[in-house]
Amino acid sequence: MLRNVIVVRDSEESVKHAVREILRSKHRGHEFALDLTRITDKERKRQIMKQLTRFNN
């Protein structure tokens, strides 16, 4: 099975792109992994993760 790695940076455009990629991967039946290593601020990373997990279920 294919797994897409979605890289998320600390910008709103990157988060919107990640949401789009999550929904596209789910529709196609692909697995995906989020790469949040480029976000240094822990609070911002937590906020983005909450936003993205809403689309993960």
C-alpha atoms as a PDB file:
ATOM      1  CA  MET A   1       0.000   0.000   0.000  1.00  0.00           C
ATOM      2  CA  LEU A   2       1.212   3.489  -0.780  1.00  0.00           C
ATOM      3  CA  ARG A   3       2.035   5.917   1.980  1.00  0.00           C
ATOM      4  CA  ASN A   4       2.209   9.631   1.337  1.00  0.00           C
ATOM      5  CA  VAL A   5       4.414  11.762   3.583  1.00  0.00           C
ATOM      6  CA  ILE A   6       2.874  15.200   4.000  1.00  0.00           C
ATOM      7  CA  VAL A   7       5.365  17.860   5.074  1.00  0.00           C
ATOM      8  CA  VAL A   8       3.824  20.684   7.111  1.00  0.00           C
ATOM      9  CA  ARG A   9       5.620  23.984   7.646  1.00  0.00           C
ATOM     10  CA  ASP A  10       4.688  26.818   9.985  1.00  0.00           C
ATOM     11  CA  SER A  11       2.434  28.745   7.603  1.00  0.00           C
ATOM     12  CA  GLU A  12      -1.290  28.790   6.985  1.00  0.00           C
ATOM     13  CA  GLU A  13      -0.795  27.970   3.312  1.00  0.00           C
ATOM     14  CA  SER A  14       1.130  24.828   4.246  1.00  0.00           C
ATOM     15  CA  VAL A  15      -1.603  23.753   6.678  1.00  0.00           C
ATOM     16  CA  LYS A  16      -4.293  24.253   4.026  1.00  0.00           C
ATOM     17  CA  HIS A  17      -2.243  22.236   1.572  1.00  0.00           C
ATOM     18  CA  ALA A  18      -1.825  19.464   4.173  1.00  0.00           C
ATOM     19  CA  VAL A  19      -5.600  19.321   4.758  1.00  0.00           C
ATOM     20  CA  ARG A  20      -6.138  19.014   1.021  1.00  0.00           C
ATOM     21  CA  GLU A  21      -3.540  16.230   0.776  1.00  0.00           C
ATOM     22  CA  ILE A  22      -5.061  14.360   3.753  1.00  0.00           C
ATOM     23  CA  LEU A  23      -8.503  14.393   2.196  1.00  0.00           C
ATOM     24  CA  ARG A  24      -7.115  13.385  -1.208  1.00  0.00           C
ATOM     25  CA  SER A  25      -5.150  10.485   0.311  1.00  0.00           C
ATOM     26  CA  LYS A  26      -8.141   9.238   2.266  1.00  0.00           C
ATOM     27  CA  HIS A  27     -10.339   9.373  -0.825  1.00  0.00           C
ATOM     28  CA  ARG A  28      -7.826   7.365  -2.846  1.00  0.00           C
ATOM     29  CA  GLY A  29      -7.343   4.834  -0.047  1.00  0.00           C
ATOM     30  CA  HIS A  30      -3.692   5.706   0.573  1.00  0.00           C
ATOM     31  CA  GLU A  31      -2.057   5.839   3.951  1.00  0.00           C
ATOM     32  CA  PHE A  32      -0.336   9.063   4.932  1.00  0.00           C
ATOM     33  CA  ALA A  33       2.097  10.325   7.525  1.00  0.00           C
ATOM     34  CA  LEU A  34       2.512  13.887   8.734  1.00  0.00           C
ATOM     35  CA  ASP A  35       5.993  15.378   9.006  1.00  0.00           C
ATOM     36  CA  LEU A  36       5.893  18.213  11.547  1.00  0.00           C
ATOM     37  CA  THR A  37       9.644  18.386  12.206  1.00  0.00           C
ATOM     38  CA  ARG A  38      10.003  21.785  10.511  1.00  0.00           C
ATOM     39  CA  ILE A  39       7.805  23.459  13.145  1.00  0.00           C
ATOM     40  CA  THR A  40       9.937  24.493  16.109  1.00  0.00           C
ATOM     41  CA  ASP A  41       7.357  26.078  18.413  1.00  0.00           C
ATOM     42  CA  LYS A  42       5.714  23.337  20.507  1.00  0.00           C
ATOM     43  CA  GLU A  43       2.490  25.247  21.105  1.00  0.00           C
ATOM     44  CA  ARG A  44       2.102  25.996  17.397  1.00  0.00           C
ATOM     45  CA  LYS A  45       2.823  22.344  16.566  1.00  0.00           C
ATOM     46  CA  ARG A  46       0.126  21.236  19.011  1.00  0.00           C
ATOM     47  CA  GLN A  47      -2.364  23.697  17.503  1.00  0.00           C
ATOM     48  CA  ILE A  48      -1.649  22.494  13.956  1.00  0.00           C
ATOM     49  CA  MET A  49      -1.880  18.857  15.017  1.00  0.00           C
ATOM     50  CA  LYS A  50      -5.320  19.459  16.559  1.00  0.00           C
ATOM     51  CA  GLN A  51      -6.443  21.096  13.341  1.00  0.00           C
ATOM     52  CA  LEU A  52      -5.151  18.263  11.141  1.00  0.00           C
ATOM     53  CA  THR A  53      -6.432  15.365  13.251  1.00  0.00           C
ATOM     54  CA  ARG A  54      -9.948  16.676  12.743  1.00  0.00           C
ATOM     55  CA  PHE A  55      -9.636  15.551   9.104  1.00  0.00           C
ATOM     56  CA  ASN A  56      -7.831  12.328   9.992  1.00  0.00           C
ATOM     57  CA  ASN A  57     -10.874  10.454  11.320  1.00  0.00           C
END
